[in-house]
């Protein structure tokens, strides 16, 4: 069971509205360990979970293995929470979006950054009109692709951008609006795949942004940082730890420091899990939709197209056929 699967299970165990029916993993010992920790049953397969009468399913498999369990869960009529990315190709993302639109159950995608305190702070400044984004810089690096070893295997990740950098593509839409074109460059420097990207984005509302991501930087803080510039105003986030808002040339800077907050809260996992259960109970729509997941996948695919062809790519991309 993945690290993030354990985080979700612990969140759900703490929610009085939830009964954990079981845990399934391709490694039986992993299922047994987590089941013991959260006081539920280890089950041998997805079929066993569905046969146990579950009402909601969490899919926390490796990136390239999201499609099948998500489709099977939706076809069975249960609510599905899938970890990011939605899929690792546009045709697969299209299949999930179509299935989610037809399903009796609800689909939510795990873009936890949307619920992290620092990004909620930045979003609040924008939504309240305290800053209008004109330009932005987004950075998300990894120190290495060594631990765990599968992070360097595109057959598992779908490609470096589908690992943690996909969060920043989603953040570009969340904070700046839909992207209408992008151009970028990349290089293969340390690993056996493209491991360093520099991308320029132009958004429908007029904002322009640069997005950089490198897989071999060391873990020098902050490996994740967003800066949004308005008219003599700036919002800055540093990882999931700190954020600042400068409202003017001579005004007091507003600051947020999440250093002492529990991990699952400041990283947004607790809120996204709570909102998923709210949606399962009919109290609200899904907090991150299939459309959000499809558009993030589209941005990653457009980026790979742009760096491969060294040309501007217009969005939206043509939709796959059935």
C-alpha atoms as a PDB file:
ATOM      1  CA  UNK A   1       0.000   0.000   0.000  1.00  0.00           C
ATOM      2  CA  UNK A   2       1.367   3.392  -1.019  1.00  0.00           C
ATOM      3  CA  UNK A   3       2.346   6.132   1.409  1.00  0.00           C
ATOM      4  CA  UNK A   4      -0.585   8.230   0.255  1.00  0.00           C
ATOM      5  CA  UNK A   5      -2.993   5.303   0.548  1.00  0.00           C
ATOM      6  CA  UNK A   6      -2.076   5.100   4.216  1.00  0.00           C
ATOM      7  CA  UNK A   7      -2.652   8.851   4.701  1.00  0.00           C
ATOM      8  CA  UNK A   8      -6.139   8.586   3.201  1.00  0.00           C
ATOM      9  CA  UNK A   9      -6.961   5.506   5.280  1.00  0.00           C
ATOM     10  CA  UNK A  10      -5.957   7.263   8.500  1.00  0.00           C
ATOM     11  CA  UNK A  11      -8.034  10.316   7.547  1.00  0.00           C
ATOM     12  CA  UNK A  12     -11.058   8.134   6.862  1.00  0.00           C
ATOM     13  CA  UNK A  13     -10.620   6.177  10.084  1.00  0.00           C
ATOM     14  CA  UNK A  14     -10.885   9.476  11.966  1.00  0.00           C
ATOM     15  CA  UNK A  15     -14.168  10.411  10.226  1.00  0.00           C
ATOM     16  CA  UNK A  16     -17.152   9.196  12.268  1.00  0.00           C
ATOM     17  CA  UNK A  17     -19.262   9.026   9.104  1.00  0.00           C
ATOM     18  CA  UNK A  18     -17.027   6.361   7.559  1.00  0.00           C
ATOM     19  CA  UNK A  19     -16.769   2.621   8.093  1.00  0.00           C
ATOM     20  CA  UNK A  20     -13.665   1.131   6.504  1.00  0.00           C
ATOM     21  CA  UNK A  21     -14.775  -2.125   4.885  1.00  0.00           C
ATOM     22  CA  UNK A  22     -11.423  -3.383   3.663  1.00  0.00           C
ATOM     23  CA  UNK A  23      -8.043  -2.816   2.048  1.00  0.00           C
ATOM     24  CA  UNK A  24      -6.756  -4.572  -1.071  1.00  0.00           C
ATOM     25  CA  UNK A  25      -3.201  -4.571  -2.406  1.00  0.00           C
ATOM     26  CA  UNK A  26      -1.277  -6.647  -4.932  1.00  0.00           C
ATOM     27  CA  UNK A  27       1.200  -7.244  -2.091  1.00  0.00           C
ATOM     28  CA  UNK A  28      -0.826  -9.128   0.553  1.00  0.00           C
ATOM     29  CA  UNK A  29       1.520  -8.185   3.388  1.00  0.00           C
ATOM     30  CA  UNK A  30       1.002  -4.484   2.644  1.00  0.00           C
ATOM     31  CA  UNK A  31      -2.769  -4.901   2.813  1.00  0.00           C
ATOM     32  CA  UNK A  32      -2.441  -6.787   6.079  1.00  0.00           C
ATOM     33  CA  UNK A  33      -0.264  -4.095   7.683  1.00  0.00           C
ATOM     34  CA  UNK A  34      -2.564  -1.226   6.750  1.00  0.00           C
ATOM     35  CA  UNK A  35      -5.715  -3.162   7.623  1.00  0.00           C
ATOM     36  CA  UNK A  36      -4.322  -3.820  11.090  1.00  0.00           C
ATOM     37  CA  UNK A  37      -3.411  -0.154  11.539  1.00  0.00           C
ATOM     38  CA  UNK A  38      -6.867   1.154  10.617  1.00  0.00           C
ATOM     39  CA  UNK A  39      -8.857  -1.744  12.110  1.00  0.00           C
ATOM     40  CA  UNK A  40     -10.348  -3.219   8.955  1.00  0.00           C
ATOM     41  CA  UNK A  41      -9.992  -6.365   6.814  1.00  0.00           C
ATOM     42  CA  UNK A  42      -7.287  -7.170   4.274  1.00  0.00           C
ATOM     43  CA  UNK A  43      -8.983  -8.317   1.083  1.00  0.00           C
ATOM     44  CA  UNK A  44      -7.358 -10.115  -1.859  1.00  0.00           C
ATOM     45  CA  UNK A  45      -8.595  -8.033  -4.794  1.00  0.00           C
ATOM     46  CA  UNK A  46     -10.704  -5.206  -6.148  1.00  0.00           C
ATOM     47  CA  UNK A  47     -13.432  -7.743  -6.865  1.00  0.00           C
ATOM     48  CA  UNK A  48     -13.480  -8.688  -3.196  1.00  0.00           C
ATOM     49  CA  UNK A  49     -13.852  -5.029  -2.226  1.00  0.00           C
ATOM     50  CA  UNK A  50     -16.757  -4.518  -4.619  1.00  0.00           C
ATOM     51  CA  UNK A  51     -18.389  -7.771  -3.484  1.00  0.00           C
ATOM     52  CA  UNK A  52     -18.133  -6.592   0.145  1.00  0.00           C
ATOM     53  CA  UNK A  53     -20.804  -3.977  -0.524  1.00  0.00           C
ATOM     54  CA  UNK A  54     -18.689  -0.844  -0.408  1.00  0.00           C
ATOM     55  CA  UNK A  55     -20.277   2.503  -1.216  1.00  0.00           C
ATOM     56  CA  UNK A  56     -17.021   4.317  -2.016  1.00  0.00           C
ATOM     57  CA  UNK A  57     -13.642   3.262  -3.386  1.00  0.00           C
ATOM     58  CA  UNK A  58     -10.211   4.886  -3.057  1.00  0.00           C
ATOM     59  CA  UNK A  59      -7.800   4.139  -5.921  1.00  0.00           C
ATOM     60  CA  UNK A  60      -4.195   4.681  -4.780  1.00  0.00           C
ATOM     61  CA  UNK A  61      -2.387   2.493  -7.303  1.00  0.00           C
ATOM     62  CA  UNK A  62       0.687   3.577  -9.319  1.00  0.00           C
ATOM     63  CA  UNK A  63      -0.049   6.267 -11.906  1.00  0.00           C
ATOM     64  CA  UNK A  64      -0.274   4.017 -14.946  1.00  0.00           C
ATOM     65  CA  UNK A  65      -2.710   1.663 -13.194  1.00  0.00           C
ATOM     66  CA  UNK A  66      -5.529   4.089 -12.404  1.00  0.00           C
ATOM     67  CA  UNK A  67      -7.747   3.457 -15.428  1.00  0.00           C
ATOM     68  CA  UNK A  68      -9.010  -0.076 -14.795  1.00  0.00           C
ATOM     69  CA  UNK A  69      -9.998   0.182 -11.103  1.00  0.00           C
ATOM     70  CA  UNK A  70     -11.585   3.604 -11.636  1.00  0.00           C
ATOM     71  CA  UNK A  71     -13.702   2.358 -14.540  1.00  0.00           C
ATOM     72  CA  UNK A  72     -14.676  -0.791 -12.667  1.00  0.00           C
ATOM     73  CA  UNK A  73     -15.648   1.172  -9.587  1.00  0.00           C
ATOM     74  CA  UNK A  74     -17.772   3.617 -11.575  1.00  0.00           C
ATOM     75  CA  UNK A  75     -19.382   0.758 -13.514  1.00  0.00           C
ATOM     76  CA  UNK A  76     -20.301  -0.882 -10.200  1.00  0.00           C
ATOM     77  CA  UNK A  77     -22.137   2.266  -9.129  1.00  0.00           C
ATOM     78  CA  UNK A  78     -19.858   3.221  -6.236  1.00  0.00           C
ATOM     79  CA  UNK A  79     -18.312   6.615  -5.565  1.00  0.00           C
ATOM     80  CA  UNK A  80     -14.654   6.752  -6.627  1.00  0.00           C
ATOM     81  CA  UNK A  81     -11.791   8.828  -5.273  1.00  0.00           C
ATOM     82  CA  UNK A  82      -8.705   8.478  -7.456  1.00  0.00           C
ATOM     83  CA  UNK A  83      -5.261   9.708  -6.585  1.00  0.00           C
ATOM     84  CA  UNK A  84      -3.602  11.934  -9.157  1.00  0.00           C
ATOM     85  CA  UNK A  85      -3.010  11.818 -12.030  1.00  0.00           C
ATOM     86  CA  UNK A  86      -6.386  11.049 -13.553  1.00  0.00           C
ATOM     87  CA  UNK A  87      -4.583   8.974 -16.190  1.00  0.00           C
ATOM     88  CA  UNK A  88      -1.287   9.027 -18.068  1.00  0.00           C
ATOM     89  CA  UNK A  89      -2.650   9.653 -21.547  1.00  0.00           C
ATOM     90  CA  UNK A  90      -5.413  11.799 -22.977  1.00  0.00           C
ATOM     91  CA  UNK A  91      -7.410   8.823 -24.361  1.00  0.00           C
ATOM     92  CA  UNK A  92      -7.439   7.197 -20.910  1.00  0.00           C
ATOM     93  CA  UNK A  93      -8.448  10.464 -19.240  1.00  0.00           C
ATOM     94  CA  UNK A  94     -11.234  10.844 -21.817  1.00  0.00           C
ATOM     95  CA  UNK A  95     -12.540   7.354 -20.968  1.00  0.00           C
ATOM     96  CA  UNK A  96     -12.665   8.216 -17.264  1.00  0.00           C
ATOM     97  CA  UNK A  97     -14.361  11.547 -17.910  1.00  0.00           C
ATOM     98  CA  UNK A  98     -16.994   9.854 -20.070  1.00  0.00           C
ATOM     99  CA  UNK A  99     -17.561   7.111 -17.496  1.00  0.00           C
ATOM    100  CA  UNK A 100     -17.844   9.644 -14.664  1.00  0.00           C
ATOM    101  CA  UNK A 101     -20.476  11.536 -16.625  1.00  0.00           C
ATOM    102  CA  UNK A 102     -22.613   8.394 -16.992  1.00  0.00           C
ATOM    103  CA  UNK A 103     -22.053   6.872 -13.561  1.00  0.00           C
ATOM    104  CA  UNK A 104     -24.505   6.704 -10.672  1.00  0.00           C
ATOM    105  CA  UNK A 105     -21.600   7.235  -8.321  1.00  0.00           C
ATOM    106  CA  UNK A 106     -19.507  10.375  -7.978  1.00  0.00           C
ATOM    107  CA  UNK A 107     -15.862  10.792  -9.073  1.00  0.00           C
ATOM    108  CA  UNK A 108     -13.293  13.005  -7.332  1.00  0.00           C
ATOM    109  CA  UNK A 109      -9.607  13.380  -8.149  1.00  0.00           C
ATOM    110  CA  UNK A 110      -6.846  13.796  -5.576  1.00  0.00           C
ATOM    111  CA  UNK A 111      -5.298  17.181  -6.325  1.00  0.00           C
ATOM    112  CA  UNK A 112      -4.514  17.906  -2.685  1.00  0.00           C
ATOM    113  CA  UNK A 113      -2.743  21.215  -3.386  1.00  0.00           C
ATOM    114  CA  UNK A 114      -6.139  22.854  -3.942  1.00  0.00           C
ATOM    115  CA  UNK A 115      -6.855  22.293  -0.237  1.00  0.00           C
ATOM    116  CA  UNK A 116      -3.426  23.103   1.179  1.00  0.00           C
ATOM    117  CA  UNK A 117      -3.527  26.212   3.347  1.00  0.00           C
ATOM    118  CA  UNK A 118      -0.925  28.159   1.370  1.00  0.00           C
ATOM    119  CA  UNK A 119      -2.736  27.683  -1.938  1.00  0.00           C
ATOM    120  CA  UNK A 120      -6.122  28.411  -0.383  1.00  0.00           C
ATOM    121  CA  UNK A 121      -4.555  31.641   0.911  1.00  0.00           C
ATOM    122  CA  UNK A 122      -3.382  32.566  -2.603  1.00  0.00           C
ATOM    123  CA  UNK A 123      -6.738  31.626  -4.127  1.00  0.00           C
ATOM    124  CA  UNK A 124      -8.571  33.734  -1.538  1.00  0.00           C
ATOM    125  CA  UNK A 125      -6.514  36.814  -2.444  1.00  0.00           C
ATOM    126  CA  UNK A 126      -7.466  36.310  -6.100  1.00  0.00           C
ATOM    127  CA  UNK A 127     -11.144  35.500  -5.513  1.00  0.00           C
ATOM    128  CA  UNK A 128     -11.599  38.519  -3.244  1.00  0.00           C
ATOM    129  CA  UNK A 129     -10.144  40.778  -5.916  1.00  0.00           C
ATOM    130  CA  UNK A 130      -7.199  41.786  -3.782  1.00  0.00           C
ATOM    131  CA  UNK A 131      -4.856  40.807  -6.604  1.00  0.00           C
ATOM    132  CA  UNK A 132      -5.477  40.254 -10.313  1.00  0.00           C
ATOM    133  CA  UNK A 133      -2.853  37.866 -11.715  1.00  0.00           C
ATOM    134  CA  UNK A 134      -0.866  39.423 -14.560  1.00  0.00           C
ATOM    135  CA  UNK A 135       2.243  37.249 -14.552  1.00  0.00           C
ATOM    136  CA  UNK A 136       3.308  34.259 -12.496  1.00  0.00           C
ATOM    137  CA  UNK A 137       6.181  31.892 -11.876  1.00  0.00           C
ATOM    138  CA  UNK A 138       5.520  28.300 -10.839  1.00  0.00           C
ATOM    139  CA  UNK A 139       8.281  25.911  -9.783  1.00  0.00           C
ATOM    140  CA  UNK A 140       8.115  22.303  -8.672  1.00  0.00           C
ATOM    141  CA  UNK A 141      11.350  20.321  -8.410  1.00  0.00           C
ATOM    142  CA  UNK A 142      12.318  16.896  -7.147  1.00  0.00           C
ATOM    143  CA  UNK A 143      15.645  16.349  -5.479  1.00  0.00           C
ATOM    144  CA  UNK A 144      16.060  12.989  -7.184  1.00  0.00           C
ATOM    145  CA  UNK A 145      14.285  10.067  -8.829  1.00  0.00           C
ATOM    146  CA  UNK A 146      15.905   7.453  -6.605  1.00  0.00           C
ATOM    147  CA  UNK A 147      13.608   7.019  -3.592  1.00  0.00           C
ATOM    148  CA  UNK A 148      11.366   5.231  -4.099  1.00  0.00           C
ATOM    149  CA  UNK A 149      13.031   3.569  -7.133  1.00  0.00           C
ATOM    150  CA  UNK A 150       9.840   3.464  -9.229  1.00  0.00           C
ATOM    151  CA  UNK A 151       9.882   7.273  -9.558  1.00  0.00           C
ATOM    152  CA  UNK A 152      12.494   6.849 -12.323  1.00  0.00           C
ATOM    153  CA  UNK A 153      10.400   4.283 -14.223  1.00  0.00           C
ATOM    154  CA  UNK A 154       8.062   5.860 -16.829  1.00  0.00           C
ATOM    155  CA  UNK A 155       6.195   2.555 -17.155  1.00  0.00           C
ATOM    156  CA  UNK A 156       4.999   3.185 -13.579  1.00  0.00           C
ATOM    157  CA  UNK A 157       4.805   6.996 -13.450  1.00  0.00           C
ATOM    158  CA  UNK A 158       3.715   7.678 -17.025  1.00  0.00           C
ATOM    159  CA  UNK A 159       6.614  10.128 -17.313  1.00  0.00           C
ATOM    160  CA  UNK A 160       8.200  12.613 -14.927  1.00  0.00           C
ATOM    161  CA  UNK A 161       5.539  15.303 -15.432  1.00  0.00           C
ATOM    162  CA  UNK A 162       2.832  12.874 -14.282  1.00  0.00           C
ATOM    163  CA  UNK A 163       4.519  12.554 -10.906  1.00  0.00           C
ATOM    164  CA  UNK A 164       4.396  15.563  -8.570  1.00  0.00           C
ATOM    165  CA  UNK A 165       4.799  18.216 -11.342  1.00  0.00           C
ATOM    166  CA  UNK A 166       1.224  17.504 -12.489  1.00  0.00           C
ATOM    167  CA  UNK A 167       0.097  19.333  -9.341  1.00  0.00           C
ATOM    168  CA  UNK A 168       1.550  22.588 -10.682  1.00  0.00           C
ATOM    169  CA  UNK A 169      -0.233  22.184 -14.007  1.00  0.00           C
ATOM    170  CA  UNK A 170      -3.454  21.886 -12.019  1.00  0.00           C
ATOM    171  CA  UNK A 171      -2.431  24.887  -9.908  1.00  0.00           C
ATOM    172  CA  UNK A 172      -1.965  26.959 -13.069  1.00  0.00           C
ATOM    173  CA  UNK A 173      -5.656  26.422 -13.892  1.00  0.00           C
ATOM    174  CA  UNK A 174      -6.795  26.741 -10.275  1.00  0.00           C
ATOM    175  CA  UNK A 175      -5.060  30.087  -9.718  1.00  0.00           C
ATOM    176  CA  UNK A 176      -4.783  31.625 -13.198  1.00  0.00           C
ATOM    177  CA  UNK A 177      -7.591  30.079 -15.264  1.00  0.00           C
ATOM    178  CA  UNK A 178      -7.601  27.907 -18.369  1.00  0.00           C
ATOM    179  CA  UNK A 179      -4.445  27.801 -20.471  1.00  0.00           C
ATOM    180  CA  UNK A 180      -4.930  28.614 -24.168  1.00  0.00           C
ATOM    181  CA  UNK A 181      -1.391  27.986 -25.428  1.00  0.00           C
ATOM    182  CA  UNK A 182       1.999  26.878 -24.239  1.00  0.00           C
ATOM    183  CA  UNK A 183       5.522  26.404 -25.500  1.00  0.00           C
ATOM    184  CA  UNK A 184       8.401  24.707 -23.760  1.00  0.00           C
ATOM    185  CA  UNK A 185      11.798  23.121 -23.801  1.00  0.00           C
ATOM    186  CA  UNK A 186      13.181  20.103 -21.988  1.00  0.00           C
ATOM    187  CA  UNK A 187      16.331  18.081 -21.657  1.00  0.00           C
ATOM    188  CA  UNK A 188      17.421  14.623 -20.586  1.00  0.00           C
ATOM    189  CA  UNK A 189      20.254  15.339 -18.172  1.00  0.00           C
ATOM    190  CA  UNK A 190      20.630  12.760 -15.400  1.00  0.00           C
ATOM    191  CA  UNK A 191      17.949  10.106 -15.886  1.00  0.00           C
ATOM    192  CA  UNK A 192      16.771   8.029 -18.843  1.00  0.00           C
ATOM    193  CA  UNK A 193      13.831  10.313 -19.574  1.00  0.00           C
ATOM    194  CA  UNK A 194      13.236  14.037 -19.941  1.00  0.00           C
ATOM    195  CA  UNK A 195      14.019  15.331 -16.463  1.00  0.00           C
ATOM    196  CA  UNK A 196      14.106  19.124 -16.768  1.00  0.00           C
ATOM    197  CA  UNK A 197      11.380  21.384 -18.192  1.00  0.00           C
ATOM    198  CA  UNK A 198      10.898  25.104 -18.807  1.00  0.00           C
ATOM    199  CA  UNK A 199       7.417  26.021 -20.069  1.00  0.00           C
ATOM    200  CA  UNK A 200       5.619  29.278 -20.876  1.00  0.00           C
ATOM    201  CA  UNK A 201       1.830  29.382 -20.481  1.00  0.00           C
ATOM    202  CA  UNK A 202      -0.688  31.938 -21.714  1.00  0.00           C
ATOM    203  CA  UNK A 203      -4.065  31.897 -19.976  1.00  0.00           C
ATOM    204  CA  UNK A 204      -7.496  32.820 -21.287  1.00  0.00           C
ATOM    205  CA  UNK A 205      -7.767  35.739 -18.869  1.00  0.00           C
ATOM    206  CA  UNK A 206      -4.520  37.233 -20.127  1.00  0.00           C
ATOM    207  CA  UNK A 207      -2.101  36.081 -17.431  1.00  0.00           C
ATOM    208  CA  UNK A 208       1.257  34.742 -18.588  1.00  0.00           C
ATOM    209  CA  UNK A 209       3.215  32.222 -16.520  1.00  0.00           C
ATOM    210  CA  UNK A 210       6.465  30.320 -16.529  1.00  0.00           C
ATOM    211  CA  UNK A 211       6.531  26.784 -15.143  1.00  0.00           C
ATOM    212  CA  UNK A 212       9.792  24.992 -14.418  1.00  0.00           C
ATOM    213  CA  UNK A 213      10.385  21.521 -13.055  1.00  0.00           C
ATOM    214  CA  UNK A 214      13.651  19.630 -12.619  1.00  0.00           C
ATOM    215  CA  UNK A 215      14.112  16.110 -11.248  1.00  0.00           C
ATOM    216  CA  UNK A 216      17.705  16.303 -10.006  1.00  0.00           C
ATOM    217  CA  UNK A 217      18.059  19.447  -7.880  1.00  0.00           C
ATOM    218  CA  UNK A 218      18.736  18.033  -4.393  1.00  0.00           C
ATOM    219  CA  UNK A 219      16.054  18.841  -1.827  1.00  0.00           C
ATOM    220  CA  UNK A 220      17.086  22.443  -1.250  1.00  0.00           C
ATOM    221  CA  UNK A 221      14.163  24.404   0.227  1.00  0.00           C
ATOM    222  CA  UNK A 222      11.867  25.518  -1.284  1.00  0.00           C
ATOM    223  CA  UNK A 223      11.568  22.867  -3.991  1.00  0.00           C
ATOM    224  CA  UNK A 224       8.007  24.097  -4.669  1.00  0.00           C
ATOM    225  CA  UNK A 225       7.247  27.802  -5.017  1.00  0.00           C
ATOM    226  CA  UNK A 226       4.612  29.952  -6.719  1.00  0.00           C
ATOM    227  CA  UNK A 227       4.845  33.711  -7.253  1.00  0.00           C
ATOM    228  CA  UNK A 228       1.858  35.639  -8.650  1.00  0.00           C
ATOM    229  CA  UNK A 229       2.300  39.266  -9.668  1.00  0.00           C
ATOM    230  CA  UNK A 230      -0.435  41.876  -9.953  1.00  0.00           C
ATOM    231  CA  UNK A 231      -0.315  45.677 -10.182  1.00  0.00           C
ATOM    232  CA  UNK A 232       2.329  46.353  -7.511  1.00  0.00           C
ATOM    233  CA  UNK A 233       1.030  43.334  -5.594  1.00  0.00           C
ATOM    234  CA  UNK A 234       2.469  39.866  -5.076  1.00  0.00           C
ATOM    235  CA  UNK A 235       1.398  36.518  -3.633  1.00  0.00           C
ATOM    236  CA  UNK A 236       4.135  33.997  -2.846  1.00  0.00           C
ATOM    237  CA  UNK A 237       3.910  30.402  -1.603  1.00  0.00           C
ATOM    238  CA  UNK A 238       6.827  28.265  -0.417  1.00  0.00           C
ATOM    239  CA  UNK A 239       6.140  24.552  -0.491  1.00  0.00           C
ATOM    240  CA  UNK A 240       3.150  23.815   1.734  1.00  0.00           C
ATOM    241  CA  UNK A 241       4.723  25.719   4.617  1.00  0.00           C
ATOM    242  CA  UNK A 242       4.484  29.488   4.121  1.00  0.00           C
ATOM    243  CA  UNK A 243       2.691  32.146   2.084  1.00  0.00           C
ATOM    244  CA  UNK A 244       2.816  35.931   1.837  1.00  0.00           C
ATOM    245  CA  UNK A 245       0.683  38.637   0.282  1.00  0.00           C
ATOM    246  CA  UNK A 246       2.107  42.080  -0.440  1.00  0.00           C
ATOM    247  CA  UNK A 247      -0.911  44.356  -1.081  1.00  0.00           C
ATOM    248  CA  UNK A 248       1.018  47.406  -2.241  1.00  0.00           C
ATOM    249  CA  UNK A 249       4.228  49.380  -2.348  1.00  0.00           C
ATOM    250  CA  UNK A 250       4.119  50.626   1.258  1.00  0.00           C
ATOM    251  CA  UNK A 251       1.675  48.279   2.956  1.00  0.00           C
ATOM    252  CA  UNK A 252       2.200  45.642   5.602  1.00  0.00           C
ATOM    253  CA  UNK A 253       2.831  42.190   4.173  1.00  0.00           C
ATOM    254  CA  UNK A 254       0.357  39.510   5.273  1.00  0.00           C
ATOM    255  CA  UNK A 255       1.943  36.180   6.165  1.00  0.00           C
ATOM    256  CA  UNK A 256       0.841  32.597   6.788  1.00  0.00           C
ATOM    257  CA  UNK A 257       3.112  30.039   8.449  1.00  0.00           C
ATOM    258  CA  UNK A 258       1.926  26.430   8.607  1.00  0.00           C
ATOM    259  CA  UNK A 259       5.073  25.012  10.202  1.00  0.00           C
ATOM    260  CA  UNK A 260       3.311  23.648  13.290  1.00  0.00           C
ATOM    261  CA  UNK A 261       0.239  22.267  11.534  1.00  0.00           C
ATOM    262  CA  UNK A 262      -0.225  18.492  11.177  1.00  0.00           C
ATOM    263  CA  UNK A 263       1.012  17.172   7.832  1.00  0.00           C
ATOM    264  CA  UNK A 264      -2.366  15.921   6.628  1.00  0.00           C
ATOM    265  CA  UNK A 265      -3.907  19.350   7.270  1.00  0.00           C
ATOM    266  CA  UNK A 266      -1.307  21.671   5.772  1.00  0.00           C
ATOM    267  CA  UNK A 267      -0.913  19.418   2.717  1.00  0.00           C
ATOM    268  CA  UNK A 268      -4.676  19.415   2.140  1.00  0.00           C
ATOM    269  CA  UNK A 269      -5.339  15.695   2.502  1.00  0.00           C
ATOM    270  CA  UNK A 270      -7.661  16.012   5.487  1.00  0.00           C
ATOM    271  CA  UNK A 271      -9.859  18.556   3.729  1.00  0.00           C
ATOM    272  CA  UNK A 272     -10.040  16.728   0.402  1.00  0.00           C
ATOM    273  CA  UNK A 273     -11.039  13.511   2.178  1.00  0.00           C
ATOM    274  CA  UNK A 274     -13.677  15.308   4.239  1.00  0.00           C
ATOM    275  CA  UNK A 275     -15.099  16.969   1.118  1.00  0.00           C
ATOM    276  CA  UNK A 276     -15.181  13.642  -0.704  1.00  0.00           C
ATOM    277  CA  UNK A 277     -17.281  12.110   2.057  1.00  0.00           C
ATOM    278  CA  UNK A 278     -19.515  15.204   2.020  1.00  0.00           C
ATOM    279  CA  UNK A 279     -20.048  14.622  -1.707  1.00  0.00           C
ATOM    280  CA  UNK A 280     -20.709  10.911  -1.197  1.00  0.00           C
ATOM    281  CA  UNK A 281     -23.490  11.896   1.218  1.00  0.00           C
ATOM    282  CA  UNK A 282     -24.984  14.336  -1.288  1.00  0.00           C
ATOM    283  CA  UNK A 283     -24.023  17.468   0.638  1.00  0.00           C
ATOM    284  CA  UNK A 284     -21.973  19.005  -2.191  1.00  0.00           C
ATOM    285  CA  UNK A 285     -20.587  18.293  -5.663  1.00  0.00           C
ATOM    286  CA  UNK A 286     -17.114  16.742  -5.997  1.00  0.00           C
ATOM    287  CA  UNK A 287     -14.401  19.209  -5.016  1.00  0.00           C
ATOM    288  CA  UNK A 288     -12.144  18.224  -7.939  1.00  0.00           C
ATOM    289  CA  UNK A 289     -14.078  17.036 -10.968  1.00  0.00           C
ATOM    290  CA  UNK A 290     -13.411  14.724 -13.878  1.00  0.00           C
ATOM    291  CA  UNK A 291     -13.189  17.847 -16.035  1.00  0.00           C
ATOM    292  CA  UNK A 292     -10.416  19.192 -13.787  1.00  0.00           C
ATOM    293  CA  UNK A 293      -8.545  15.913 -14.124  1.00  0.00           C
ATOM    294  CA  UNK A 294      -8.966  15.820 -17.880  1.00  0.00           C
ATOM    295  CA  UNK A 295      -7.665  19.385 -18.280  1.00  0.00           C
ATOM    296  CA  UNK A 296      -4.596  18.684 -16.128  1.00  0.00           C
ATOM    297  CA  UNK A 297      -3.830  15.598 -18.224  1.00  0.00           C
ATOM    298  CA  UNK A 298      -4.315  17.696 -21.350  1.00  0.00           C
ATOM    299  CA  UNK A 299      -1.777  20.243 -20.076  1.00  0.00           C
ATOM    300  CA  UNK A 300       0.830  17.555 -19.426  1.00  0.00           C
ATOM    301  CA  UNK A 301       0.266  16.021 -22.858  1.00  0.00           C
ATOM    302  CA  UNK A 302       0.449  19.464 -24.484  1.00  0.00           C
ATOM    303  CA  UNK A 303       3.732  20.103 -22.677  1.00  0.00           C
ATOM    304  CA  UNK A 304       5.231  16.850 -23.954  1.00  0.00           C
ATOM    305  CA  UNK A 305       4.049  17.756 -27.476  1.00  0.00           C
ATOM    306  CA  UNK A 306       5.554  21.227 -27.209  1.00  0.00           C
ATOM    307  CA  UNK A 307       8.986  20.069 -26.062  1.00  0.00           C
ATOM    308  CA  UNK A 308       9.043  17.209 -28.559  1.00  0.00           C
ATOM    309  CA  UNK A 309       8.201  19.411 -31.551  1.00  0.00           C
ATOM    310  CA  UNK A 310       9.615  22.720 -30.255  1.00  0.00           C
ATOM    311  CA  UNK A 311       6.439  24.476 -31.341  1.00  0.00           C
ATOM    312  CA  UNK A 312       3.626  26.398 -29.675  1.00  0.00           C
ATOM    313  CA  UNK A 313       0.704  24.126 -28.778  1.00  0.00           C
ATOM    314  CA  UNK A 314      -2.817  25.564 -28.750  1.00  0.00           C
ATOM    315  CA  UNK A 315      -5.389  24.380 -26.238  1.00  0.00           C
ATOM    316  CA  UNK A 316      -7.768  22.696 -25.894  1.00  0.00           C
ATOM    317  CA  UNK A 317      -6.298  19.697 -27.732  1.00  0.00           C
ATOM    318  CA  UNK A 318      -8.542  17.675 -30.067  1.00  0.00           C
ATOM    319  CA  UNK A 319     -10.552  15.227 -28.000  1.00  0.00           C
ATOM    320  CA  UNK A 320      -9.927  11.503 -28.516  1.00  0.00           C
ATOM    321  CA  UNK A 321     -12.629   9.527 -30.268  1.00  0.00           C
ATOM    322  CA  UNK A 322     -14.491   6.690 -28.597  1.00  0.00           C
END
